[in-house]
Amino acid sequence: MVKTVITQSTWKGDMRVEGLANNHTLIIDQPSNMGGSDAGPNPLEYLLVALGSCLGTVAAIVARQEHIKLEGFSIEIEGDYDLDFLMGKTTDGEGGFLEIRQKVSIDADLDEDEKSAFFEKVHARCPVSGSLLNQTRITTEIQ
């Protein structure tokens, strides 16, 4: 079954964007040294939070389905990107993360191999992980 997710993002001046997802409003901004007012996380931070929160949600789903008593799940994620490319100082490079690194902590009655196998299932089923790894096609309609 395919489900469609719809969001709306609207530029509000300077570096501020308001995102709408269901009945939630998200504030996206840049730090002051990037021309923003630091009213919220920047888009790259939201992407990493989306990845971590998706993995956490899928961990809860997998644990429930496999009757694993999950006491805790946390993930620290960091990513590197080319600031010079983003700012237009060079055309050499790429506009995405060059690398994303994850440090995962799983609190459950599982040994290290079982934790690794559990996380592989979680990672394989996470839609955000899949979108990043599979280079999801993006189509655009200009209005």
C-alpha atoms as a PDB file:
ATOM      1  CA  MET A   1       0.000   0.000   0.000  1.00  0.00           C
ATOM      2  CA  VAL A   2       1.387   3.389  -0.995  1.00  0.00           C
ATOM      3  CA  LYS A   3       0.650   6.373   1.219  1.00  0.00           C
ATOM      4  CA  THR A   4       1.247   9.994   0.199  1.00  0.00           C
ATOM      5  CA  VAL A   5       2.726  12.510   2.631  1.00  0.00           C
ATOM      6  CA  ILE A   6       2.059  16.189   1.915  1.00  0.00           C
ATOM      7  CA  THR A   7       3.823  19.201   3.430  1.00  0.00           C
ATOM      8  CA  GLN A   8       3.873  22.913   2.620  1.00  0.00           C
ATOM      9  CA  SER A   9       6.849  25.244   3.042  1.00  0.00           C
ATOM     10  CA  THR A  10       6.572  29.027   2.687  1.00  0.00           C
ATOM     11  CA  TRP A  11       9.385  31.576   2.761  1.00  0.00           C
ATOM     12  CA  LYS A  12       8.624  34.269   5.368  1.00  0.00           C
ATOM     13  CA  GLY A  13      11.463  36.716   4.682  1.00  0.00           C
ATOM     14  CA  ASP A  14      15.154  36.777   5.425  1.00  0.00           C
ATOM     15  CA  MET A  15      16.153  33.134   5.971  1.00  0.00           C
ATOM     16  CA  ARG A  16      12.939  32.049   7.717  1.00  0.00           C
ATOM     17  CA  VAL A  17      10.636  29.404   6.275  1.00  0.00           C
ATOM     18  CA  GLU A  18       7.484  28.015   7.872  1.00  0.00           C
ATOM     19  CA  GLY A  19       6.730  24.406   7.188  1.00  0.00           C
ATOM     20  CA  LEU A  20       3.314  22.834   7.635  1.00  0.00           C
ATOM     21  CA  ALA A  21       2.932  19.114   8.205  1.00  0.00           C
ATOM     22  CA  ASN A  22      -0.576  17.977   9.123  1.00  0.00           C
ATOM     23  CA  ASN A  23      -1.573  20.463  11.832  1.00  0.00           C
ATOM     24  CA  HIS A  24       2.010  21.206  12.921  1.00  0.00           C
ATOM     25  CA  THR A  25       3.961  24.363  12.086  1.00  0.00           C
ATOM     26  CA  LEU A  26       7.734  24.068  11.891  1.00  0.00           C
ATOM     27  CA  ILE A  27      10.059  27.072  11.928  1.00  0.00           C
ATOM     28  CA  ILE A  28      13.106  26.694   9.718  1.00  0.00           C
ATOM     29  CA  ASP A  29      15.815  29.344   9.908  1.00  0.00           C
ATOM     30  CA  GLN A  30      19.530  29.888   9.681  1.00  0.00           C
ATOM     31  CA  PRO A  31      21.906  30.978  12.438  1.00  0.00           C
ATOM     32  CA  SER A  32      22.756  34.669  12.573  1.00  0.00           C
ATOM     33  CA  ASN A  33      26.169  34.100  10.952  1.00  0.00           C
ATOM     34  CA  MET A  34      24.299  32.746   7.892  1.00  0.00           C
ATOM     35  CA  GLY A  35      21.880  35.703   7.714  1.00  0.00           C
ATOM     36  CA  GLY A  36      19.052  34.255   9.794  1.00  0.00           C
ATOM     37  CA  SER A  37      17.686  34.987  13.249  1.00  0.00           C
ATOM     38  CA  ASP A  38      18.207  31.439  14.583  1.00  0.00           C
ATOM     39  CA  ALA A  39      14.462  31.021  15.216  1.00  0.00           C
ATOM     40  CA  GLY A  40      14.651  27.312  14.428  1.00  0.00           C
ATOM     41  CA  PRO A  41      16.854  24.546  13.085  1.00  0.00           C
ATOM     42  CA  ASN A  42      18.177  24.847   9.550  1.00  0.00           C
ATOM     43  CA  PRO A  43      17.023  22.440   6.805  1.00  0.00           C
ATOM     44  CA  LEU A  44      20.090  20.212   7.132  1.00  0.00           C
ATOM     45  CA  GLU A  45      19.469  19.828  10.861  1.00  0.00           C
ATOM     46  CA  TYR A  46      15.826  18.993  10.174  1.00  0.00           C
ATOM     47  CA  LEU A  47      16.926  16.337   7.686  1.00  0.00           C
ATOM     48  CA  LEU A  48      19.193  14.677  10.248  1.00  0.00           C
ATOM     49  CA  VAL A  49      16.481  14.909  12.917  1.00  0.00           C
ATOM     50  CA  ALA A  50      14.006  13.404  10.438  1.00  0.00           C
ATOM     51  CA  LEU A  51      16.402  10.505   9.874  1.00  0.00           C
ATOM     52  CA  GLY A  52      16.959   9.915  13.593  1.00  0.00           C
ATOM     53  CA  SER A  53      13.303  10.220  14.516  1.00  0.00           C
ATOM     54  CA  CYS A  54      12.258   7.914  11.678  1.00  0.00           C
ATOM     55  CA  LEU A  55      14.784   5.315  12.844  1.00  0.00           C
ATOM     56  CA  GLY A  56      13.480   5.676  16.411  1.00  0.00           C
ATOM     57  CA  THR A  57       9.883   5.214  15.302  1.00  0.00           C
ATOM     58  CA  VAL A  58      10.726   2.192  13.161  1.00  0.00           C
ATOM     59  CA  ALA A  59      12.747   0.748  16.069  1.00  0.00           C
ATOM     60  CA  ALA A  60       9.593   0.890  18.195  1.00  0.00           C
ATOM     61  CA  ILE A  61       7.583  -0.799  15.425  1.00  0.00           C
ATOM     62  CA  VAL A  62      10.127  -3.591  14.900  1.00  0.00           C
ATOM     63  CA  ALA A  63      10.529  -4.134  18.650  1.00  0.00           C
ATOM     64  CA  ARG A  64       6.774  -4.410  19.098  1.00  0.00           C
ATOM     65  CA  GLN A  65       6.428  -6.813  16.164  1.00  0.00           C
ATOM     66  CA  GLU A  66       9.294  -9.002  17.344  1.00  0.00           C
ATOM     67  CA  HIS A  67       8.313  -8.833  21.038  1.00  0.00           C
ATOM     68  CA  ILE A  68      11.592  -7.156  22.011  1.00  0.00           C
ATOM     69  CA  LYS A  69      11.385  -5.135  25.221  1.00  0.00           C
ATOM     70  CA  LEU A  70      12.991  -1.937  24.018  1.00  0.00           C
ATOM     71  CA  GLU A  71      13.980   0.145  27.037  1.00  0.00           C
ATOM     72  CA  GLY A  72      15.732   2.880  25.079  1.00  0.00           C
ATOM     73  CA  PHE A  73      16.854   3.905  21.628  1.00  0.00           C
ATOM     74  CA  SER A  74      18.864   7.016  20.830  1.00  0.00           C
ATOM     75  CA  ILE A  75      20.893   8.075  17.874  1.00  0.00           C
ATOM     76  CA  GLU A  76      23.395  10.871  17.378  1.00  0.00           C
ATOM     77  CA  ILE A  77      23.748  11.841  13.747  1.00  0.00           C
ATOM     78  CA  GLU A  78      26.251  14.181  12.141  1.00  0.00           C
ATOM     79  CA  GLY A  79      26.802  15.058   8.530  1.00  0.00           C
ATOM     80  CA  ASP A  80      29.353  16.941   6.461  1.00  0.00           C
ATOM     81  CA  TYR A  81      28.449  19.233   3.576  1.00  0.00           C
ATOM     82  CA  ASP A  82      30.342  21.606   1.300  1.00  0.00           C
ATOM     83  CA  LEU A  83      29.598  25.130   2.552  1.00  0.00           C
ATOM     84  CA  ASP A  84      31.499  26.731  -0.349  1.00  0.00           C
ATOM     85  CA  PHE A  85      29.277  24.906  -2.850  1.00  0.00           C
ATOM     86  CA  LEU A  86      26.130  25.898  -0.918  1.00  0.00           C
ATOM     87  CA  MET A  87      27.177  29.563  -0.889  1.00  0.00           C
ATOM     88  CA  GLY A  88      28.051  29.552  -4.597  1.00  0.00           C
ATOM     89  CA  LYS A  89      31.771  30.116  -4.036  1.00  0.00           C
ATOM     90  CA  THR A  90      32.557  27.066  -6.185  1.00  0.00           C
ATOM     91  CA  THR A  91      30.773  24.923  -8.730  1.00  0.00           C
ATOM     92  CA  ASP A  92      32.962  21.951  -7.914  1.00  0.00           C
ATOM     93  CA  GLY A  93      31.267  19.606  -5.504  1.00  0.00           C
ATOM     94  CA  GLU A  94      27.805  18.467  -4.609  1.00  0.00           C
ATOM     95  CA  GLY A  95      24.806  20.039  -2.949  1.00  0.00           C
ATOM     96  CA  GLY A  96      24.070  17.280  -0.464  1.00  0.00           C
ATOM     97  CA  PHE A  97      25.663  15.683   2.537  1.00  0.00           C
ATOM     98  CA  LEU A  98      29.041  14.207   1.674  1.00  0.00           C
ATOM     99  CA  GLU A  99      28.779  11.753   4.544  1.00  0.00           C
ATOM    100  CA  ILE A 100      26.335  11.021   7.355  1.00  0.00           C
ATOM    101  CA  ARG A 101      27.568   9.263  10.499  1.00  0.00           C
ATOM    102  CA  GLN A 102      25.335   7.617  13.107  1.00  0.00           C
ATOM    103  CA  LYS A 103      26.058   6.533  16.680  1.00  0.00           C
ATOM    104  CA  VAL A 104      23.241   4.279  17.824  1.00  0.00           C
ATOM    105  CA  SER A 105      22.463   3.294  21.399  1.00  0.00           C
ATOM    106  CA  ILE A 106      20.004   0.426  21.878  1.00  0.00           C
ATOM    107  CA  ASP A 107      18.877  -0.478  25.384  1.00  0.00           C
ATOM    108  CA  ALA A 108      17.305  -3.930  25.159  1.00  0.00           C
ATOM    109  CA  ASP A 109      18.038  -7.451  26.348  1.00  0.00           C
ATOM    110  CA  LEU A 110      20.039  -8.211  23.202  1.00  0.00           C
ATOM    111  CA  ASP A 111      23.695  -9.079  22.685  1.00  0.00           C
ATOM    112  CA  GLU A 112      25.819  -7.012  20.290  1.00  0.00           C
ATOM    113  CA  ASP A 113      25.098  -9.232  17.268  1.00  0.00           C
ATOM    114  CA  GLU A 114      21.371  -9.140  17.990  1.00  0.00           C
ATOM    115  CA  LYS A 115      21.499  -5.350  18.352  1.00  0.00           C
ATOM    116  CA  SER A 116      23.257  -5.068  14.994  1.00  0.00           C
ATOM    117  CA  ALA A 117      20.689  -7.348  13.345  1.00  0.00           C
ATOM    118  CA  PHE A 118      17.857  -5.384  14.972  1.00  0.00           C
ATOM    119  CA  PHE A 119      19.262  -2.076  13.709  1.00  0.00           C
ATOM    120  CA  GLU A 120      19.755  -3.456  10.182  1.00  0.00           C
ATOM    121  CA  LYS A 121      16.034  -4.324  10.096  1.00  0.00           C
ATOM    122  CA  VAL A 122      15.173  -0.867  11.393  1.00  0.00           C
ATOM    123  CA  HIS A 123      17.468   0.856   8.893  1.00  0.00           C
ATOM    124  CA  ALA A 124      16.134  -1.214   5.972  1.00  0.00           C
ATOM    125  CA  ARG A 125      12.515  -0.299   6.798  1.00  0.00           C
ATOM    126  CA  CYS A 126      13.042   3.414   7.545  1.00  0.00           C
ATOM    127  CA  PRO A 127      11.512   5.552   4.746  1.00  0.00           C
ATOM    128  CA  VAL A 128      13.914   8.426   5.411  1.00  0.00           C
ATOM    129  CA  SER A 129      16.952   6.128   5.223  1.00  0.00           C
ATOM    130  CA  GLY A 130      15.542   4.653   2.022  1.00  0.00           C
ATOM    131  CA  SER A 131      14.990   8.078   0.496  1.00  0.00           C
ATOM    132  CA  LEU A 132      18.573   9.120   1.241  1.00  0.00           C
ATOM    133  CA  LEU A 133      20.152   5.865   0.108  1.00  0.00           C
ATOM    134  CA  ASN A 134      18.035   5.292  -2.984  1.00  0.00           C
ATOM    135  CA  GLN A 135      18.204   8.818  -4.373  1.00  0.00           C
ATOM    136  CA  THR A 136      14.446   9.157  -4.580  1.00  0.00           C
ATOM    137  CA  ARG A 137      13.270  10.779  -7.815  1.00  0.00           C
ATOM    138  CA  ILE A 138      12.077  14.357  -7.339  1.00  0.00           C
ATOM    139  CA  THR A 139       9.641  15.789  -9.875  1.00  0.00           C
ATOM    140  CA  THR A 140       8.915  19.525 -10.041  1.00  0.00           C
ATOM    141  CA  GLU A 141       5.984  21.562 -11.323  1.00  0.00           C
ATOM    142  CA  ILE A 142       6.645  25.328 -11.523  1.00  0.00           C
ATOM    143  CA  GLN A 143       3.533  27.501 -11.025  1.00  0.00           C
END
